[in-house]
N, C-alpha and C. Protein backbone atom coordinates (compact mmCIF):
# COMPACT_ATOMS: atom_id res chain seq x y z
N MET A 1 0.84 -1.18 0.00
CA MET A 1 0.00 0.00 0.00
C MET A 1 0.89 1.24 0.00
N ARG A 2 0.47 2.24 -0.71
CA ARG A 2 1.25 3.47 -0.80
C ARG A 2 1.15 4.26 0.51
N ALA A 3 2.18 5.00 0.81
CA ALA A 3 2.14 5.88 1.97
C ALA A 3 1.17 7.02 1.66
N ILE A 4 0.35 7.35 2.62
CA ILE A 4 -0.67 8.36 2.41
C ILE A 4 -0.33 9.57 3.26
N LEU A 5 -0.13 10.70 2.63
CA LEU A 5 0.14 11.94 3.37
C LEU A 5 -1.15 12.57 3.83
N HIS A 6 -2.10 12.67 2.95
CA HIS A 6 -3.36 13.32 3.30
C HIS A 6 -4.43 12.81 2.37
N GLN A 7 -5.49 12.35 2.93
CA GLN A 7 -6.62 11.88 2.16
C GLN A 7 -7.86 12.43 2.82
N ALA A 8 -8.53 13.36 2.19
CA ALA A 8 -9.62 14.05 2.84
C ALA A 8 -10.92 13.25 2.86
N ASN A 9 -11.26 12.57 1.81
CA ASN A 9 -12.58 11.95 1.75
C ASN A 9 -12.56 10.55 1.18
N GLU A 10 -11.45 9.86 1.25
CA GLU A 10 -11.38 8.51 0.69
C GLU A 10 -11.05 7.53 1.79
N GLY A 11 -11.78 6.44 1.90
CA GLY A 11 -11.51 5.44 2.92
C GLY A 11 -10.39 4.52 2.50
N ILE A 12 -9.74 3.88 3.47
CA ILE A 12 -8.72 2.88 3.19
C ILE A 12 -8.96 1.69 4.09
N CYS A 13 -8.53 0.53 3.66
CA CYS A 13 -8.78 -0.69 4.43
C CYS A 13 -7.71 -0.98 5.47
N ASP A 14 -6.48 -0.57 5.23
CA ASP A 14 -5.38 -0.88 6.13
C ASP A 14 -4.75 0.42 6.59
N SER A 15 -4.79 0.69 7.89
CA SER A 15 -4.32 1.99 8.37
C SER A 15 -2.83 2.01 8.68
N THR A 16 -2.09 0.93 8.42
CA THR A 16 -0.69 0.88 8.83
C THR A 16 0.17 1.92 8.14
N ASP A 17 -0.16 2.34 6.93
CA ASP A 17 0.60 3.35 6.22
C ASP A 17 -0.05 4.73 6.30
N LEU A 18 -1.14 4.83 6.98
CA LEU A 18 -1.89 6.07 7.06
C LEU A 18 -1.13 7.12 7.86
N LEU A 19 -0.97 8.32 7.31
CA LEU A 19 -0.43 9.42 8.09
C LEU A 19 -1.59 10.16 8.73
N TYR A 20 -2.55 10.63 7.93
CA TYR A 20 -3.78 11.16 8.51
C TYR A 20 -4.86 11.34 7.47
N ILE A 21 -6.10 11.37 7.95
CA ILE A 21 -7.29 11.64 7.14
C ILE A 21 -8.13 12.64 7.93
N LEU A 22 -8.62 13.67 7.25
CA LEU A 22 -9.46 14.68 7.89
C LEU A 22 -10.92 14.45 7.54
N ARG A 23 -11.78 14.65 8.52
CA ARG A 23 -13.22 14.61 8.30
C ARG A 23 -13.85 15.73 9.13
N ASP A 24 -14.86 16.37 8.58
CA ASP A 24 -15.58 17.43 9.29
C ASP A 24 -16.88 16.89 9.86
N PHE A 25 -17.21 17.35 11.06
CA PHE A 25 -18.49 17.04 11.69
C PHE A 25 -19.38 18.25 11.45
N PRO A 26 -20.31 18.16 10.50
CA PRO A 26 -21.11 19.33 10.13
C PRO A 26 -22.06 19.79 11.24
N ASP A 27 -22.33 21.08 11.23
CA ASP A 27 -23.30 21.68 12.15
C ASP A 27 -23.06 21.30 13.61
N CYS A 28 -21.82 21.42 14.05
CA CYS A 28 -21.46 20.95 15.39
C CYS A 28 -21.28 22.08 16.40
N ALA A 29 -21.42 23.33 16.00
CA ALA A 29 -21.09 24.46 16.88
C ALA A 29 -21.88 24.41 18.19
N ALA A 30 -23.18 24.24 18.12
CA ALA A 30 -24.00 24.23 19.33
C ALA A 30 -23.66 23.01 20.19
N GLN A 31 -23.49 21.87 19.55
CA GLN A 31 -23.16 20.64 20.28
C GLN A 31 -21.79 20.76 20.94
N ASN A 32 -20.80 21.31 20.23
CA ASN A 32 -19.47 21.49 20.81
C ASN A 32 -19.53 22.44 22.00
N ALA A 33 -20.26 23.53 21.86
CA ALA A 33 -20.38 24.50 22.96
C ALA A 33 -21.00 23.84 24.19
N ALA A 34 -22.05 23.05 23.98
CA ALA A 34 -22.70 22.36 25.10
C ALA A 34 -21.75 21.34 25.75
N LEU A 35 -21.00 20.61 24.93
CA LEU A 35 -20.05 19.64 25.47
C LEU A 35 -18.92 20.33 26.25
N CYS A 36 -18.43 21.44 25.75
CA CYS A 36 -17.38 22.18 26.46
C CYS A 36 -17.89 22.69 27.80
N ALA A 37 -19.09 23.24 27.81
CA ALA A 37 -19.67 23.73 29.06
C ALA A 37 -19.88 22.59 30.04
N ALA A 38 -20.38 21.46 29.54
CA ALA A 38 -20.61 20.30 30.41
C ALA A 38 -19.28 19.75 30.95
N PHE A 39 -18.26 19.71 30.11
CA PHE A 39 -16.95 19.24 30.56
C PHE A 39 -16.40 20.14 31.66
N GLN A 40 -16.47 21.44 31.45
CA GLN A 40 -15.90 22.38 32.41
C GLN A 40 -16.66 22.43 33.72
N SER A 41 -17.93 22.05 33.70
CA SER A 41 -18.71 22.05 34.94
C SER A 41 -18.93 20.63 35.48
N CYS A 42 -18.26 19.66 34.88
CA CYS A 42 -18.43 18.26 35.27
C CYS A 42 -17.94 18.05 36.71
N PRO A 43 -18.78 17.49 37.56
CA PRO A 43 -18.35 17.26 38.95
C PRO A 43 -17.27 16.18 39.02
N ASP A 44 -16.43 16.27 40.02
CA ASP A 44 -15.32 15.32 40.17
C ASP A 44 -15.77 13.87 40.21
N HIS A 45 -16.95 13.62 40.80
CA HIS A 45 -17.40 12.23 40.90
C HIS A 45 -17.76 11.63 39.53
N ALA A 46 -17.96 12.46 38.51
CA ALA A 46 -18.26 11.95 37.17
C ALA A 46 -16.99 11.57 36.40
N VAL A 47 -15.85 12.03 36.89
CA VAL A 47 -14.58 11.68 36.24
C VAL A 47 -14.21 10.27 36.66
N LEU A 48 -14.08 9.38 35.68
CA LEU A 48 -13.76 7.99 35.96
C LEU A 48 -12.30 7.83 36.37
N ARG A 49 -11.42 8.52 35.65
CA ARG A 49 -10.00 8.51 36.01
C ARG A 49 -9.26 9.56 35.20
N ARG A 50 -8.04 9.83 35.64
CA ARG A 50 -7.12 10.71 34.94
C ARG A 50 -5.83 9.93 34.75
N SER A 51 -5.14 10.19 33.63
CA SER A 51 -3.87 9.48 33.41
C SER A 51 -2.89 10.38 32.66
N HIS A 52 -1.66 9.91 32.57
CA HIS A 52 -0.59 10.59 31.85
C HIS A 52 -0.29 11.96 32.46
N PHE A 53 0.21 11.93 33.69
CA PHE A 53 0.55 13.17 34.39
C PHE A 53 1.94 13.63 33.96
N PHE A 54 1.98 14.69 33.17
CA PHE A 54 3.22 15.27 32.68
C PHE A 54 3.12 16.79 32.76
N ASN A 55 4.22 17.42 33.08
CA ASN A 55 4.30 18.89 33.10
C ASN A 55 3.19 19.53 33.93
N GLY A 56 2.82 18.89 35.05
CA GLY A 56 1.86 19.48 35.96
C GLY A 56 0.40 19.29 35.61
N ARG A 57 0.09 18.44 34.64
CA ARG A 57 -1.32 18.20 34.32
C ARG A 57 -1.51 16.76 33.86
N TYR A 58 -2.75 16.30 34.00
CA TYR A 58 -3.13 15.01 33.44
C TYR A 58 -3.52 15.24 31.99
N GLU A 59 -2.85 14.58 31.07
CA GLU A 59 -3.16 14.75 29.65
C GLU A 59 -4.49 14.10 29.29
N ASN A 60 -4.87 13.03 29.97
CA ASN A 60 -6.08 12.30 29.64
C ASN A 60 -7.07 12.35 30.80
N VAL A 61 -8.31 12.74 30.49
CA VAL A 61 -9.39 12.78 31.48
C VAL A 61 -10.52 11.91 30.93
N TYR A 62 -10.88 10.88 31.67
CA TYR A 62 -11.90 9.93 31.23
C TYR A 62 -13.21 10.21 31.96
N ILE A 63 -14.27 10.41 31.20
CA ILE A 63 -15.60 10.68 31.74
C ILE A 63 -16.57 9.78 30.99
N ALA A 64 -17.55 9.22 31.68
CA ALA A 64 -18.55 8.37 31.03
C ALA A 64 -19.33 9.18 29.99
N ALA A 65 -19.56 8.58 28.84
CA ALA A 65 -20.26 9.26 27.74
C ALA A 65 -21.64 9.75 28.18
N ALA A 66 -22.32 8.98 28.99
CA ALA A 66 -23.68 9.35 29.42
C ALA A 66 -23.68 10.59 30.31
N ALA A 67 -22.53 10.96 30.88
CA ALA A 67 -22.47 12.10 31.78
C ALA A 67 -22.45 13.44 31.04
N LEU A 68 -22.19 13.41 29.74
CA LEU A 68 -22.09 14.64 28.97
C LEU A 68 -23.07 14.63 27.81
N PRO A 69 -24.08 15.48 27.85
CA PRO A 69 -25.08 15.52 26.78
C PRO A 69 -24.44 15.78 25.42
N GLY A 70 -24.85 15.03 24.43
CA GLY A 70 -24.35 15.21 23.07
C GLY A 70 -23.12 14.39 22.74
N LEU A 71 -22.45 13.83 23.75
CA LEU A 71 -21.23 13.09 23.47
C LEU A 71 -21.51 11.79 22.71
N ILE A 72 -22.60 11.12 23.01
CA ILE A 72 -22.90 9.86 22.33
C ILE A 72 -23.11 10.10 20.83
N ALA A 73 -23.79 11.18 20.46
CA ALA A 73 -23.98 11.49 19.03
C ALA A 73 -22.64 11.75 18.35
N LEU A 74 -21.75 12.45 19.02
CA LEU A 74 -20.42 12.71 18.46
C LEU A 74 -19.64 11.41 18.28
N LEU A 75 -19.68 10.54 19.28
CA LEU A 75 -18.98 9.26 19.18
C LEU A 75 -19.58 8.36 18.11
N THR A 76 -20.88 8.44 17.92
CA THR A 76 -21.54 7.67 16.85
C THR A 76 -21.02 8.13 15.49
N GLN A 77 -20.89 9.44 15.31
CA GLN A 77 -20.34 9.97 14.06
C GLN A 77 -18.89 9.54 13.87
N ALA A 78 -18.11 9.57 14.94
CA ALA A 78 -16.71 9.14 14.87
C ALA A 78 -16.62 7.68 14.45
N ARG A 79 -17.47 6.84 15.03
CA ARG A 79 -17.47 5.41 14.68
C ARG A 79 -17.86 5.21 13.21
N HIS A 80 -18.81 6.00 12.73
CA HIS A 80 -19.21 5.93 11.32
C HIS A 80 -18.03 6.26 10.41
N PHE A 81 -17.34 7.37 10.68
CA PHE A 81 -16.18 7.76 9.88
C PHE A 81 -15.09 6.68 9.94
N ALA A 82 -14.82 6.15 11.14
CA ALA A 82 -13.79 5.12 11.28
C ALA A 82 -14.16 3.87 10.48
N GLY A 83 -15.44 3.51 10.50
CA GLY A 83 -15.88 2.36 9.72
C GLY A 83 -15.63 2.56 8.23
N GLU A 84 -15.90 3.77 7.74
CA GLU A 84 -15.62 4.07 6.33
C GLU A 84 -14.14 3.97 6.03
N ILE A 85 -13.32 4.53 6.88
CA ILE A 85 -11.87 4.54 6.67
C ILE A 85 -11.30 3.14 6.68
N LEU A 86 -11.75 2.31 7.62
CA LEU A 86 -11.24 0.95 7.77
C LEU A 86 -11.97 -0.06 6.90
N ASP A 87 -13.05 0.37 6.24
CA ASP A 87 -13.88 -0.52 5.43
C ASP A 87 -14.43 -1.67 6.28
N VAL A 88 -14.98 -1.27 7.45
CA VAL A 88 -15.57 -2.19 8.41
C VAL A 88 -16.91 -1.62 8.82
N ALA A 89 -17.90 -2.47 9.03
CA ALA A 89 -19.19 -1.99 9.51
C ALA A 89 -18.99 -1.28 10.85
N ALA A 90 -19.53 -0.09 10.98
CA ALA A 90 -19.36 0.70 12.20
C ALA A 90 -19.78 -0.07 13.44
N GLU A 91 -20.79 -0.91 13.33
CA GLU A 91 -21.28 -1.68 14.48
C GLU A 91 -20.24 -2.67 15.00
N ARG A 92 -19.26 -3.02 14.18
CA ARG A 92 -18.21 -3.96 14.60
C ARG A 92 -17.10 -3.27 15.37
N LEU A 93 -17.11 -1.93 15.38
CA LEU A 93 -16.04 -1.17 16.01
C LEU A 93 -16.39 -0.77 17.44
N ARG A 94 -15.49 -1.03 18.34
CA ARG A 94 -15.59 -0.52 19.69
C ARG A 94 -14.66 0.67 19.78
N LEU A 95 -14.91 1.53 20.74
CA LEU A 95 -14.03 2.68 20.88
C LEU A 95 -13.81 3.02 22.34
N GLY A 96 -12.69 3.63 22.60
CA GLY A 96 -12.38 4.21 23.89
C GLY A 96 -12.07 5.68 23.64
N PHE A 97 -12.37 6.54 24.60
CA PHE A 97 -12.17 7.97 24.38
C PHE A 97 -11.75 8.65 25.69
N TRP A 98 -11.18 9.82 25.54
CA TRP A 98 -10.77 10.64 26.67
C TRP A 98 -10.71 12.09 26.21
N PHE A 99 -10.73 12.99 27.17
CA PHE A 99 -10.62 14.42 26.89
C PHE A 99 -9.17 14.85 27.13
N ASN A 100 -8.72 15.81 26.34
CA ASN A 100 -7.42 16.42 26.52
C ASN A 100 -7.66 17.92 26.63
N ALA A 101 -7.54 18.45 27.84
CA ALA A 101 -7.75 19.88 28.10
C ALA A 101 -6.39 20.53 28.29
N MET A 102 -6.03 21.43 27.36
CA MET A 102 -4.74 22.10 27.40
C MET A 102 -4.94 23.57 27.76
N ARG A 103 -4.47 23.95 28.94
CA ARG A 103 -4.51 25.36 29.35
C ARG A 103 -3.41 26.13 28.60
N PRO A 104 -3.46 27.44 28.63
CA PRO A 104 -2.36 28.22 28.04
C PRO A 104 -1.02 27.75 28.61
N GLY A 105 -0.06 27.54 27.71
CA GLY A 105 1.27 27.09 28.09
C GLY A 105 1.45 25.59 28.08
N ASP A 106 0.38 24.81 28.02
CA ASP A 106 0.47 23.35 28.04
C ASP A 106 0.91 22.81 26.68
N VAL A 107 1.53 21.62 26.72
CA VAL A 107 1.85 20.83 25.53
C VAL A 107 1.37 19.41 25.79
N THR A 108 1.25 18.64 24.74
CA THR A 108 1.03 17.20 24.87
C THR A 108 2.26 16.52 24.29
N LEU A 109 2.91 15.71 25.10
CA LEU A 109 4.18 15.09 24.72
C LEU A 109 3.99 14.04 23.62
N ALA A 110 5.06 13.77 22.89
CA ALA A 110 5.04 12.79 21.81
C ALA A 110 4.74 11.39 22.36
N HIS A 111 3.83 10.71 21.69
CA HIS A 111 3.40 9.38 22.12
C HIS A 111 2.71 8.65 20.97
N THR A 112 2.41 7.39 21.17
CA THR A 112 1.64 6.59 20.22
C THR A 112 0.43 6.01 20.96
N HIS A 113 -0.45 5.36 20.23
CA HIS A 113 -1.63 4.71 20.82
C HIS A 113 -1.64 3.21 20.52
N ASP A 114 -0.51 2.61 20.30
CA ASP A 114 -0.48 1.21 19.88
C ASP A 114 -0.21 0.25 21.03
N ASP A 115 -0.82 0.52 22.18
CA ASP A 115 -0.60 -0.32 23.36
C ASP A 115 -1.30 -1.67 23.27
N ASP A 116 -2.46 -1.71 22.66
CA ASP A 116 -3.24 -2.95 22.62
C ASP A 116 -3.49 -3.35 21.17
N ASP A 117 -4.74 -3.40 20.78
CA ASP A 117 -5.08 -3.85 19.43
C ASP A 117 -5.82 -2.78 18.64
N GLU A 118 -5.46 -1.52 18.88
CA GLU A 118 -6.13 -0.43 18.18
C GLU A 118 -5.89 -0.55 16.67
N LEU A 119 -6.93 -0.23 15.92
CA LEU A 119 -6.83 -0.22 14.45
C LEU A 119 -6.69 1.19 13.91
N LEU A 120 -7.23 2.17 14.64
CA LEU A 120 -7.27 3.54 14.16
C LEU A 120 -7.41 4.44 15.38
N SER A 121 -6.81 5.61 15.31
CA SER A 121 -6.95 6.62 16.36
C SER A 121 -7.49 7.90 15.74
N ALA A 122 -8.00 8.78 16.60
CA ALA A 122 -8.54 10.05 16.11
C ALA A 122 -8.42 11.12 17.19
N ALA A 123 -8.38 12.35 16.73
CA ALA A 123 -8.54 13.52 17.58
C ALA A 123 -9.74 14.29 17.05
N TYR A 124 -10.53 14.84 17.94
CA TYR A 124 -11.67 15.67 17.55
C TYR A 124 -11.57 16.97 18.34
N TYR A 125 -11.76 18.09 17.67
CA TYR A 125 -11.58 19.39 18.30
C TYR A 125 -12.92 19.99 18.69
N LEU A 126 -13.07 20.21 20.00
CA LEU A 126 -14.28 20.80 20.55
C LEU A 126 -14.16 22.31 20.68
N GLN A 127 -13.03 22.77 21.21
CA GLN A 127 -12.82 24.20 21.44
C GLN A 127 -11.37 24.54 21.13
N VAL A 128 -11.16 25.47 20.23
CA VAL A 128 -9.82 25.88 19.86
C VAL A 128 -9.78 27.40 19.69
N ALA A 129 -8.59 27.95 19.76
CA ALA A 129 -8.35 29.36 19.51
C ALA A 129 -7.11 29.45 18.63
N ALA A 130 -6.88 30.60 18.06
CA ALA A 130 -5.66 30.80 17.28
C ALA A 130 -4.45 30.54 18.17
N ASN A 131 -3.47 29.84 17.64
CA ASN A 131 -2.21 29.54 18.34
C ASN A 131 -2.38 28.68 19.58
N CYS A 132 -3.39 27.80 19.58
CA CYS A 132 -3.64 26.97 20.76
C CYS A 132 -2.90 25.63 20.71
N GLY A 133 -2.07 25.43 19.71
CA GLY A 133 -1.29 24.19 19.62
C GLY A 133 -1.69 23.39 18.41
N ASP A 134 -0.70 23.05 17.59
CA ASP A 134 -0.92 22.23 16.40
C ASP A 134 -0.62 20.78 16.70
N LEU A 135 -1.32 19.89 16.03
CA LEU A 135 -1.06 18.46 16.10
C LEU A 135 0.06 18.14 15.13
N LEU A 136 1.10 17.49 15.61
CA LEU A 136 2.19 17.03 14.76
C LEU A 136 2.12 15.52 14.69
N ILE A 137 2.05 14.98 13.48
CA ILE A 137 2.03 13.53 13.27
C ILE A 137 3.29 13.17 12.49
N HIS A 138 4.09 12.31 13.09
CA HIS A 138 5.38 11.94 12.50
C HIS A 138 5.22 10.65 11.70
N GLY A 139 5.83 10.63 10.54
CA GLY A 139 5.80 9.45 9.67
C GLY A 139 7.13 9.29 8.98
N GLY A 140 8.08 8.65 9.64
CA GLY A 140 9.42 8.51 9.07
C GLY A 140 10.06 9.88 8.95
N ALA A 141 10.47 10.23 7.74
CA ALA A 141 11.11 11.53 7.51
C ALA A 141 10.09 12.66 7.39
N GLN A 142 8.81 12.31 7.33
CA GLN A 142 7.76 13.31 7.16
C GLN A 142 7.17 13.70 8.52
N CYS A 143 6.71 14.92 8.60
CA CYS A 143 5.98 15.36 9.78
C CYS A 143 4.84 16.26 9.30
N ALA A 144 3.62 15.83 9.57
CA ALA A 144 2.45 16.62 9.20
C ALA A 144 2.12 17.54 10.36
N ARG A 145 1.80 18.78 10.04
CA ARG A 145 1.41 19.79 11.04
C ARG A 145 -0.02 20.18 10.74
N ILE A 146 -0.91 19.91 11.68
CA ILE A 146 -2.33 20.16 11.48
C ILE A 146 -2.81 21.18 12.49
N SER A 147 -3.30 22.30 11.98
CA SER A 147 -3.87 23.33 12.86
C SER A 147 -5.30 22.93 13.18
N PRO A 148 -5.65 22.89 14.46
CA PRO A 148 -6.99 22.44 14.83
C PRO A 148 -8.05 23.48 14.49
N ARG A 149 -9.25 22.99 14.27
CA ARG A 149 -10.43 23.85 14.16
C ARG A 149 -11.61 23.08 14.71
N ALA A 150 -12.51 23.78 15.34
CA ALA A 150 -13.65 23.13 15.97
C ALA A 150 -14.43 22.34 14.92
N GLY A 151 -14.80 21.11 15.27
CA GLY A 151 -15.58 20.26 14.38
C GLY A 151 -14.74 19.38 13.47
N LEU A 152 -13.43 19.41 13.62
CA LEU A 152 -12.55 18.62 12.76
C LEU A 152 -12.15 17.32 13.45
N PHE A 153 -12.28 16.21 12.72
CA PHE A 153 -11.72 14.92 13.12
C PHE A 153 -10.41 14.74 12.37
N VAL A 154 -9.39 14.27 13.05
CA VAL A 154 -8.14 13.87 12.42
C VAL A 154 -7.95 12.40 12.76
N PHE A 155 -8.00 11.54 11.75
CA PHE A 155 -7.81 10.10 11.94
C PHE A 155 -6.37 9.76 11.54
N PHE A 156 -5.74 8.87 12.32
CA PHE A 156 -4.37 8.48 12.03
C PHE A 156 -4.11 7.08 12.57
N ALA A 157 -3.05 6.47 12.07
CA ALA A 157 -2.69 5.12 12.53
C ALA A 157 -2.19 5.18 13.97
N PRO A 158 -2.59 4.25 14.82
CA PRO A 158 -2.22 4.29 16.24
C PRO A 158 -0.71 4.25 16.48
N GLN A 159 0.04 3.64 15.58
CA GLN A 159 1.49 3.55 15.79
C GLN A 159 2.23 4.83 15.39
N ARG A 160 1.53 5.82 14.88
CA ARG A 160 2.16 7.08 14.49
C ARG A 160 2.49 7.91 15.73
N LEU A 161 3.74 8.28 15.83
CA LEU A 161 4.15 9.18 16.89
C LEU A 161 3.51 10.54 16.63
N HIS A 162 2.90 11.12 17.67
CA HIS A 162 2.24 12.40 17.51
C HIS A 162 2.34 13.19 18.81
N GLU A 163 2.16 14.50 18.69
CA GLU A 163 2.28 15.40 19.83
C GLU A 163 1.53 16.68 19.51
N VAL A 164 1.38 17.53 20.51
CA VAL A 164 0.72 18.81 20.32
C VAL A 164 1.66 19.91 20.80
N THR A 165 1.85 20.91 19.95
CA THR A 165 2.73 22.02 20.30
C THR A 165 2.09 22.87 21.40
N ARG A 166 2.86 23.76 21.94
CA ARG A 166 2.45 24.61 23.07
C ARG A 166 1.20 25.43 22.75
N ASN A 167 0.30 25.47 23.70
CA ASN A 167 -0.88 26.33 23.60
C ASN A 167 -0.44 27.76 23.92
N ASP A 168 -0.23 28.54 22.86
CA ASP A 168 0.20 29.93 23.03
C ASP A 168 -0.98 30.89 23.02
N SER A 169 -2.19 30.39 23.13
CA SER A 169 -3.35 31.26 23.24
C SER A 169 -3.61 31.57 24.70
N ASP A 170 -4.63 32.36 24.97
CA ASP A 170 -5.02 32.64 26.36
C ASP A 170 -6.29 31.88 26.72
N GLN A 171 -6.61 30.82 25.95
CA GLN A 171 -7.84 30.07 26.16
C GLN A 171 -7.57 28.58 26.29
N LEU A 172 -8.52 27.88 26.88
CA LEU A 172 -8.47 26.43 26.98
C LEU A 172 -8.63 25.81 25.60
N ARG A 173 -7.82 24.84 25.28
CA ARG A 173 -7.93 24.05 24.05
C ARG A 173 -8.49 22.69 24.48
N LEU A 174 -9.65 22.30 23.98
CA LEU A 174 -10.28 21.05 24.40
C LEU A 174 -10.49 20.15 23.20
N SER A 175 -9.95 18.94 23.31
CA SER A 175 -10.11 17.95 22.25
C SER A 175 -10.49 16.62 22.87
N LEU A 176 -10.91 15.72 22.00
CA LEU A 176 -11.28 14.37 22.39
C LEU A 176 -10.34 13.43 21.66
N GLY A 177 -9.73 12.51 22.38
CA GLY A 177 -8.92 11.45 21.77
C GLY A 177 -9.77 10.19 21.69
N ILE A 178 -9.62 9.44 20.59
CA ILE A 178 -10.43 8.24 20.41
C ILE A 178 -9.56 7.13 19.80
N ASN A 179 -9.71 5.92 20.31
CA ASN A 179 -9.10 4.74 19.72
C ASN A 179 -10.20 3.78 19.30
N PHE A 180 -10.01 3.13 18.16
CA PHE A 180 -10.97 2.17 17.62
C PHE A 180 -10.33 0.81 17.49
N GLY A 181 -11.10 -0.21 17.85
CA GLY A 181 -10.71 -1.60 17.66
C GLY A 181 -11.95 -2.38 17.28
N LEU A 182 -11.79 -3.68 17.09
CA LEU A 182 -12.93 -4.54 16.77
C LEU A 182 -13.48 -5.18 18.02
N PHE A 183 -14.80 -5.31 18.10
CA PHE A 183 -15.39 -6.06 19.20
C PHE A 183 -14.87 -7.48 19.15
N GLY A 184 -14.70 -8.08 20.31
CA GLY A 184 -14.23 -9.45 20.38
C GLY A 184 -12.72 -9.58 20.40
N THR A 185 -12.01 -8.45 20.50
CA THR A 185 -10.56 -8.50 20.61
C THR A 185 -10.15 -7.86 21.93
N VAL A 186 -8.93 -8.13 22.36
CA VAL A 186 -8.43 -7.64 23.62
C VAL A 186 -8.23 -6.13 23.55
N GLY A 187 -8.42 -5.43 24.67
CA GLY A 187 -8.15 -4.00 24.69
C GLY A 187 -9.30 -3.31 25.24
């Protein structure tokens, strides 16, 4: 399979050579605003866990989907897009997700998502501002730099090293990380 630098609207069956694919979630402004407000006012008891404590913050915040209105619809859309990309029925895909809240000055360190049996990973942008941090996806000698915008999904292979540059804005940058695998497999 050829190495893919950017494919905006074409699905692929094998994500191992995938650098990234962009998809837009249409008409998401009101839903994103509601999710951001719900996340920011979410009581501590609704947080299932926090992980990846680096540079004074937890990079990953896990909250049950049912605790945030509108999140299930967003995850359903994500699963649909992932099914198209992987050429798998969306109903066969399971997913795990977490929030990444970056305050001004925060970064997300370089990492991969290939710990278990993930087939595809994604980032979804809920709230962004100018200069709030770009997603860098590394692929051998190539490095893709993606500026976030609200309503954008970025799908990429789980084994791709990726990171987020410093949030140089004066606002919170809020995104959702998602991993996809098949039901009936470990992970």
